[in-house]
Amino acid sequence: MAALAWLLIPLVAAVGAGLWGSWANRTRRARSDGPELDGYARFRAAMERSAVMERTPVVERTTRETSHSGT
């Protein structure tokens, strides 16, 4: 009887795995990417706005040449 139990454990596991695999591979309703893409577009727009706001105006720096007297 114990040998039968040891044979039934893998058999039950295999049946369970088969059922789970068929459930996981089922066809689902088609779902559009609209909401996800809209959210991504809003995210990119917000990041671009924050990048523009963080930029500071670039002021051209001129190098001044100083003359050294050598003393």
PDB file of N, CA and C in Angstrom:
ATOM      1  N   MET A   1       0.814  -1.192   0.000  1.00  0.00           N
ATOM      2  CA  MET A   1       0.000   0.000   0.000  1.00  0.00           C
ATOM      3  C   MET A   1       0.862   1.263   0.000  1.00  0.00           C
ATOM      4  N   ALA A   2       1.995   1.224   0.694  1.00  0.00           N
ATOM      5  CA  ALA A   2       2.882   2.384   0.729  1.00  0.00           C
ATOM      6  C   ALA A   2       3.466   2.655  -0.648  1.00  0.00           C
ATOM      7  N   ALA A   3       3.750   1.596  -1.406  1.00  0.00           N
ATOM      8  CA  ALA A   3       4.285   1.782  -2.758  1.00  0.00           C
ATOM      9  C   ALA A   3       3.258   2.446  -3.653  1.00  0.00           C
ATOM     10  N   LEU A   4       2.007   2.114  -3.467  1.00  0.00           N
ATOM     11  CA  LEU A   4       0.943   2.735  -4.247  1.00  0.00           C
ATOM     12  C   LEU A   4       0.848   4.231  -3.940  1.00  0.00           C
ATOM     13  N   ALA A   5       1.013   4.606  -2.690  1.00  0.00           N
ATOM     14  CA  ALA A   5       0.982   6.019  -2.312  1.00  0.00           C
ATOM     15  C   ALA A   5       2.140   6.764  -2.966  1.00  0.00           C
ATOM     16  N   TRP A   6       3.330   6.155  -3.008  1.00  0.00           N
ATOM     17  CA  TRP A   6       4.481   6.793  -3.633  1.00  0.00           C
ATOM     18  C   TRP A   6       4.289   6.943  -5.135  1.00  0.00           C
ATOM     19  N   LEU A   7       3.519   6.068  -5.752  1.00  0.00           N
ATOM     20  CA  LEU A   7       3.240   6.195  -7.185  1.00  0.00           C
ATOM     21  C   LEU A   7       2.131   7.212  -7.455  1.00  0.00           C
ATOM     22  N   LEU A   8       1.223   7.355  -6.520  1.00  0.00           N
ATOM     23  CA  LEU A   8       0.122   8.299  -6.719  1.00  0.00           C
ATOM     24  C   LEU A   8       0.561   9.755  -6.547  1.00  0.00           C
ATOM     25  N   ILE A   9       1.549  10.008  -5.714  1.00  0.00           N
ATOM     26  CA  ILE A   9       2.002  11.389  -5.483  1.00  0.00           C
ATOM     27  C   ILE A   9       2.494  12.035  -6.793  1.00  0.00           C
ATOM     28  N   PRO A  10       3.402  11.395  -7.560  1.00  0.00           N
ATOM     29  CA  PRO A  10       3.822  12.023  -8.824  1.00  0.00           C
ATOM     30  C   PRO A  10       2.693  12.084  -9.851  1.00  0.00           C
ATOM     31  N   LEU A  11       1.791  11.091  -9.813  1.00  0.00           N
ATOM     32  CA  LEU A  11       0.678  11.105 -10.755  1.00  0.00           C
ATOM     33  C   LEU A  11      -0.254  12.292 -10.476  1.00  0.00           C
ATOM     34  N   VAL A  12      -0.564  12.537  -9.237  1.00  0.00           N
ATOM     35  CA  VAL A  12      -1.413  13.676  -8.869  1.00  0.00           C
ATOM     36  C   VAL A  12      -0.695  14.991  -9.192  1.00  0.00           C
ATOM     37  N   ALA A  13       0.609  15.037  -8.956  1.00  0.00           N
ATOM     38  CA  ALA A  13       1.375  16.244  -9.278  1.00  0.00           C
ATOM     39  C   ALA A  13       1.377  16.500 -10.785  1.00  0.00           C
ATOM     40  N   ALA A  14       1.510  15.444 -11.590  1.00  0.00           N
ATOM     41  CA  ALA A  14       1.516  15.604 -13.046  1.00  0.00           C
ATOM     42  C   ALA A  14       0.158  16.066 -13.552  1.00  0.00           C
ATOM     43  N   VAL A  15      -0.903  15.504 -13.014  1.00  0.00           N
ATOM     44  CA  VAL A  15      -2.249  15.938 -13.417  1.00  0.00           C
ATOM     45  C   VAL A  15      -2.472  17.391 -13.012  1.00  0.00           C
ATOM     46  N   GLY A  16      -2.054  17.743 -11.809  1.00  0.00           N
ATOM     47  CA  GLY A  16      -2.184  19.130 -11.366  1.00  0.00           C
ATOM     48  C   GLY A  16      -1.382  20.086 -12.229  1.00  0.00           C
ATOM     49  N   ALA A  17      -0.178  19.692 -12.601  1.00  0.00           N
ATOM     50  CA  ALA A  17       0.646  20.540 -13.464  1.00  0.00           C
ATOM     51  C   ALA A  17       0.023  20.688 -14.846  1.00  0.00           C
ATOM     52  N   GLY A  18      -0.548  19.619 -15.366  1.00  0.00           N
ATOM     53  CA  GLY A  18      -1.223  19.688 -16.665  1.00  0.00           C
ATOM     54  C   GLY A  18      -2.423  20.612 -16.630  1.00  0.00           C
ATOM     55  N   LEU A  19      -3.212  20.522 -15.564  1.00  0.00           N
ATOM     56  CA  LEU A  19      -4.368  21.412 -15.431  1.00  0.00           C
ATOM     57  C   LEU A  19      -3.940  22.863 -15.296  1.00  0.00           C
ATOM     58  N   TRP A  20      -2.914  23.105 -14.493  1.00  0.00           N
ATOM     59  CA  TRP A  20      -2.441  24.480 -14.328  1.00  0.00           C
ATOM     60  C   TRP A  20      -1.872  25.018 -15.649  1.00  0.00           C
ATOM     61  N   GLY A  21      -1.143  24.166 -16.394  1.00  0.00           N
ATOM     62  CA  GLY A  21      -0.572  24.599 -17.670  1.00  0.00           C
ATOM     63  C   GLY A  21      -1.638  24.948 -18.683  1.00  0.00           C
ATOM     64  N   SER A  22      -2.693  24.154 -18.732  1.00  0.00           N
ATOM     65  CA  SER A  22      -3.766  24.464 -19.682  1.00  0.00           C
ATOM     66  C   SER A  22      -4.512  25.735 -19.258  1.00  0.00           C
ATOM     67  N   TRP A  23      -4.649  25.954 -17.953  1.00  0.00           N
ATOM     68  CA  TRP A  23      -5.302  27.176 -17.480  1.00  0.00           C
ATOM     69  C   TRP A  23      -4.428  28.400 -17.770  1.00  0.00           C
ATOM     70  N   ALA A  24      -3.124  28.279 -17.567  1.00  0.00           N
ATOM     71  CA  ALA A  24      -2.226  29.413 -17.783  1.00  0.00           C
ATOM     72  C   ALA A  24      -2.098  29.757 -19.261  1.00  0.00           C
ATOM     73  N   ASN A  25      -2.305  28.786 -20.141  1.00  0.00           N
ATOM     74  CA  ASN A  25      -2.131  28.998 -21.579  1.00  0.00           C
ATOM     75  C   ASN A  25      -3.454  29.330 -22.265  1.00  0.00           C
ATOM     76  N   ARG A  26      -4.497  29.586 -21.518  1.00  0.00           N
ATOM     77  CA  ARG A  26      -5.804  29.846 -22.120  1.00  0.00           C
ATOM     78  C   ARG A  26      -5.772  31.161 -22.881  1.00  0.00           C
ATOM     79  N   THR A  27      -6.655  31.280 -23.816  1.00  0.00           N
ATOM     80  CA  THR A  27      -6.750  32.537 -24.566  1.00  0.00           C
ATOM     81  C   THR A  27      -7.579  33.511 -23.746  1.00  0.00           C
ATOM     82  N   ARG A  28      -7.117  34.701 -23.688  1.00  0.00           N
ATOM     83  CA  ARG A  28      -7.788  35.733 -22.904  1.00  0.00           C
ATOM     84  C   ARG A  28      -8.378  36.761 -23.844  1.00  0.00           C
ATOM     85  N   ARG A  29      -9.255  37.561 -23.298  1.00  0.00           N
ATOM     86  CA  ARG A  29      -9.854  38.614 -24.118  1.00  0.00           C
ATOM     87  C   ARG A  29      -8.771  39.572 -24.590  1.00  0.00           C
ATOM     88  N   ALA A  30      -8.938  40.026 -25.798  1.00  0.00           N
ATOM     89  CA  ALA A  30      -7.982  40.992 -26.340  1.00  0.00           C
ATOM     90  C   ALA A  30      -8.095  42.289 -25.554  1.00  0.00           C
ATOM     91  N   ARG A  31      -6.970  42.803 -25.158  1.00  0.00           N
ATOM     92  CA  ARG A  31      -6.941  44.037 -24.386  1.00  0.00           C
ATOM     93  C   ARG A  31      -6.069  45.036 -25.124  1.00  0.00           C
ATOM     94  N   SER A  32      -6.565  46.211 -25.293  1.00  0.00           N
ATOM     95  CA  SER A  32      -5.793  47.203 -26.032  1.00  0.00           C
ATOM     96  C   SER A  32      -4.703  47.795 -25.147  1.00  0.00           C
ATOM     97  N   ASP A  33      -3.731  48.374 -25.791  1.00  0.00           N
ATOM     98  CA  ASP A  33      -2.627  49.007 -25.077  1.00  0.00           C
ATOM     99  C   ASP A  33      -2.883  50.487 -24.828  1.00  0.00           C
ATOM    100  N   GLY A  34      -4.077  50.945 -25.107  1.00  0.00           N
ATOM    101  CA  GLY A  34      -4.393  52.361 -24.997  1.00  0.00           C
ATOM    102  C   GLY A  34      -4.081  52.981 -23.649  1.00  0.00           C
ATOM    103  N   PRO A  35      -4.617  52.446 -22.548  1.00  0.00           N
ATOM    104  CA  PRO A  35      -4.361  53.085 -21.250  1.00  0.00           C
ATOM    105  C   PRO A  35      -2.883  53.081 -20.864  1.00  0.00           C
ATOM    106  N   GLU A  36      -2.185  52.005 -21.183  1.00  0.00           N
ATOM    107  CA  GLU A  36      -0.762  51.943 -20.837  1.00  0.00           C
ATOM    108  C   GLU A  36       0.043  52.958 -21.646  1.00  0.00           C
ATOM    109  N   LEU A  37      -0.275  53.067 -22.935  1.00  0.00           N
ATOM    110  CA  LEU A  37       0.459  54.014 -23.776  1.00  0.00           C
ATOM    111  C   LEU A  37       0.136  55.455 -23.403  1.00  0.00           C
ATOM    112  N   ASP A  38      -1.113  55.707 -23.014  1.00  0.00           N
ATOM    113  CA  ASP A  38      -1.466  57.061 -22.578  1.00  0.00           C
ATOM    114  C   ASP A  38      -0.706  57.436 -21.312  1.00  0.00           C
ATOM    115  N   GLY A  39      -0.609  56.498 -20.383  1.00  0.00           N
ATOM    116  CA  GLY A  39       0.138  56.759 -19.157  1.00  0.00           C
ATOM    117  C   GLY A  39       1.610  57.007 -19.435  1.00  0.00           C
ATOM    118  N   TYR A  40       2.174  56.242 -20.368  1.00  0.00           N
ATOM    119  CA  TYR A  40       3.581  56.427 -20.717  1.00  0.00           C
ATOM    120  C   TYR A  40       3.796  57.783 -21.383  1.00  0.00           C
ATOM    121  N   ALA A  41       2.861  58.201 -22.214  1.00  0.00           N
ATOM    122  CA  ALA A  41       2.982  59.511 -22.866  1.00  0.00           C
ATOM    123  C   ALA A  41       2.932  60.632 -21.830  1.00  0.00           C
ATOM    124  N   ARG A  42       2.048  60.496 -20.833  1.00  0.00           N
ATOM    125  CA  ARG A  42       1.991  61.510 -19.771  1.00  0.00           C
ATOM    126  C   ARG A  42       3.285  61.533 -18.970  1.00  0.00           C
ATOM    127  N   PHE A  43       3.851  60.352 -18.709  1.00  0.00           N
ATOM    128  CA  PHE A  43       5.114  60.267 -17.976  1.00  0.00           C
ATOM    129  C   PHE A  43       6.236  60.958 -18.748  1.00  0.00           C
ATOM    130  N   ARG A  44       6.333  60.683 -20.036  1.00  0.00           N
ATOM    131  CA  ARG A  44       7.387  61.309 -20.848  1.00  0.00           C
ATOM    132  C   ARG A  44       7.220  62.815 -20.902  1.00  0.00           C
ATOM    133  N   ALA A  45       5.987  63.280 -21.021  1.00  0.00           N
ATOM    134  CA  ALA A  45       5.750  64.729 -21.062  1.00  0.00           C
ATOM    135  C   ALA A  45       6.161  65.373 -19.740  1.00  0.00           C
ATOM    136  N   ALA A  46       5.858  64.717 -18.638  1.00  0.00           N
ATOM    137  CA  ALA A  46       6.237  65.271 -17.342  1.00  0.00           C
ATOM    138  C   ALA A  46       7.748  65.297 -17.178  1.00  0.00           C
ATOM    139  N   MET A  47       8.423  64.258 -17.639  1.00  0.00           N
ATOM    140  CA  MET A  47       9.876  64.225 -17.535  1.00  0.00           C
ATOM    141  C   MET A  47      10.514  65.296 -18.415  1.00  0.00           C
ATOM    142  N   GLU A  48       9.958  65.525 -19.582  1.00  0.00           N
ATOM    143  CA  GLU A  48      10.501  66.571 -20.456  1.00  0.00           C
ATOM    144  C   GLU A  48      10.294  67.948 -19.823  1.00  0.00           C
ATOM    145  N   ARG A  49       9.127  68.167 -19.207  1.00  0.00           N
ATOM    146  CA  ARG A  49       8.884  69.464 -18.552  1.00  0.00           C
ATOM    147  C   ARG A  49       9.859  69.682 -17.414  1.00  0.00           C
ATOM    148  N   SER A  50      10.116  68.635 -16.620  1.00  0.00           N
ATOM    149  CA  SER A  50      11.023  68.815 -15.491  1.00  0.00           C
ATOM    150  C   SER A  50      12.455  69.011 -15.967  1.00  0.00           C
ATOM    151  N   ALA A  51      12.825  68.397 -17.078  1.00  0.00           N
ATOM    152  CA  ALA A  51      14.180  68.568 -17.601  1.00  0.00           C
ATOM    153  C   ALA A  51      14.375  69.985 -18.110  1.00  0.00           C
ATOM    154  N   VAL A  52      13.352  70.556 -18.721  1.00  0.00           N
ATOM    155  CA  VAL A  52      13.446  71.927 -19.224  1.00  0.00           C
ATOM    156  C   VAL A  52      13.522  72.899 -18.059  1.00  0.00           C
ATOM    157  N   MET A  53      12.774  72.648 -16.998  1.00  0.00           N
ATOM    158  CA  MET A  53      12.761  73.553 -15.857  1.00  0.00           C
ATOM    159  C   MET A  53      14.083  73.517 -15.098  1.00  0.00           C
ATOM    160  N   GLU A  54      14.776  72.390 -15.122  1.00  0.00           N
ATOM    161  CA  GLU A  54      16.035  72.275 -14.383  1.00  0.00           C
ATOM    162  C   GLU A  54      17.199  72.940 -15.102  1.00  0.00           C
ATOM    163  N   ARG A  55      17.051  73.145 -16.383  1.00  0.00           N
ATOM    164  CA  ARG A  55      18.152  73.755 -17.134  1.00  0.00           C
ATOM    165  C   ARG A  55      18.298  75.214 -16.735  1.00  0.00           C
ATOM    166  N   THR A  56      19.523  75.615 -16.548  1.00  0.00           N
ATOM    167  CA  THR A  56      19.787  77.020 -16.247  1.00  0.00           C
ATOM    168  C   THR A  56      20.349  77.659 -17.498  1.00  0.00           C
ATOM    169  N   PRO A  57      20.118  78.932 -17.666  1.00  0.00           N
ATOM    170  CA  PRO A  57      20.662  79.577 -18.860  1.00  0.00           C
ATOM    171  C   PRO A  57      22.183  79.519 -18.846  1.00  0.00           C
ATOM    172  N   VAL A  58      22.699  79.192 -19.983  1.00  0.00           N
ATOM    173  CA  VAL A  58      24.143  79.071 -20.102  1.00  0.00           C
ATOM    174  C   VAL A  58      24.716  80.445 -20.440  1.00  0.00           C
ATOM    175  N   VAL A  59      25.593  80.906 -19.613  1.00  0.00           N
ATOM    176  CA  VAL A  59      26.231  82.198 -19.832  1.00  0.00           C
ATOM    177  C   VAL A  59      27.628  81.917 -20.365  1.00  0.00           C
ATOM    178  N   GLU A  60      27.928  82.569 -21.470  1.00  0.00           N
ATOM    179  CA  GLU A  60      29.256  82.363 -22.035  1.00  0.00           C
ATOM    180  C   GLU A  60      30.296  82.995 -21.134  1.00  0.00           C
ATOM    181  N   ARG A  61      31.278  82.232 -20.850  1.00  0.00           N
ATOM    182  CA  ARG A  61      32.356  82.741 -20.010  1.00  0.00           C
ATOM    183  C   ARG A  61      33.551  83.061 -20.897  1.00  0.00           C
ATOM    184  N   THR A  62      34.074  84.228 -20.703  1.00  0.00           N
ATOM    185  CA  THR A  62      35.276  84.588 -21.445  1.00  0.00           C
ATOM    186  C   THR A  62      36.458  84.442 -20.507  1.00  0.00           C
ATOM    187  N   THR A  63      37.501  83.915 -21.026  1.00  0.00           N
ATOM    188  CA  THR A  63      38.693  83.755 -20.180  1.00  0.00           C
ATOM    189  C   THR A  63      39.484  85.055 -20.240  1.00  0.00           C
ATOM    190  N   ARG A  64      39.829  85.504 -19.096  1.00  0.00           N
ATOM    191  CA  ARG A  64      40.637  86.713 -19.019  1.00  0.00           C
ATOM    192  C   ARG A  64      42.083  86.293 -18.932  1.00  0.00           C
ATOM    193  N   GLU A  65      42.819  86.873 -19.780  1.00  0.00           N
ATOM    194  CA  GLU A  65      44.250  86.588 -19.735  1.00  0.00           C
ATOM    195  C   GLU A  65      44.896  87.612 -18.811  1.00  0.00           C
ATOM    196  N   THR A  66      45.576  87.134 -17.860  1.00  0.00           N
ATOM    197  CA  THR A  66      46.258  88.059 -16.948  1.00  0.00           C
ATOM    198  C   THR A  66      47.741  88.012 -17.270  1.00  0.00           C
ATOM    199  N   SER A  67      48.306  89.142 -17.194  1.00  0.00           N
ATOM    200  CA  SER A  67      49.751  89.192 -17.446  1.00  0.00           C
ATOM    201  C   SER A  67      50.469  89.094 -16.125  1.00  0.00           C
ATOM    202  N   HIS A  68      51.442  88.250 -16.106  1.00  0.00           N
ATOM    203  CA  HIS A  68      52.227  88.099 -14.903  1.00  0.00           C
ATOM    204  C   HIS A  68      53.521  88.881 -15.086  1.00  0.00           C
ATOM    205  N   SER A  69      53.848  89.585 -14.050  1.00  0.00           N
ATOM    206  CA  SER A  69      55.056  90.399 -14.135  1.00  0.00           C
ATOM    207  C   SER A  69      56.293  89.570 -13.922  1.00  0.00           C
ATOM    208  N   GLY A  70      56.126  88.394 -13.402  1.00  0.00           N
ATOM    209  CA  GLY A  70      57.280  87.526 -13.184  1.00  0.00           C
ATOM    210  C   GLY A  70      58.018  87.812 -11.911  1.00  0.00           C
ATOM    211  N   THR A  71      57.442  88.593 -11.035  1.00  0.00           N
ATOM    212  CA  THR A  71      58.144  88.872  -9.785  1.00  0.00           C
ATOM    213  C   THR A  71      57.741  87.955  -8.685  1.00  0.00           C
TER     214      THR A  71
END
